[in-house]
């Protein structure tokens, strides 16, 4: 693979910073997170979820998370209502994106396929991590007064496959997204 081809791919991946997670606009989120932001947290969750599931290659699950929305560089983020009317050939887009990269592209495409098809243990865990990331966003939006974010939580509950993801989702209602920093402020004397 020549370096120009790789640079083209790298710049195309940068598009994911500009593409917003459009489904959140349905409930009134004016500035939803980017697909890149979503993918990062999904990959991070995937790593931890793989460990919780006893999967011996958590880095594979994280890598799937990094590339799981790769095709959105070309087809955009179509939420479920848009998908009712518009069909995108996501697999063709991902294949065309990765083919010029040779072996590296083949490896990336295989990662992408695992998430898309959910036909491997790593792919199942990665998809659950994707869903858990959306559940975390839904919880954050719910706490900001967007009641319809509950729809995401309800739908995600029915889609999860791994025991660890189901347990994490069940616990979500017992925490607040601001709990992590409570008690960390330095007290000034």
Foldseek 3Di string as FASTA:
>chain_A
DDPVLVVVLVVLLVCQQVFFQPVVVVLPDPGHGGNQVLLQQLLVLQLVLCVVQVNPCSNLLSLLSNCQCVLCSPVTNQDPVSCVPDPDPSLVSLCVSLVVVPPVSVSSSVSNVCCVVVPDPSNLSSVLSSLVSLLVVLLQVVVVPRVVSVVSLVVSCVVRDDPVSNVVSVCSVVDHPPVVCPPVDDDDD
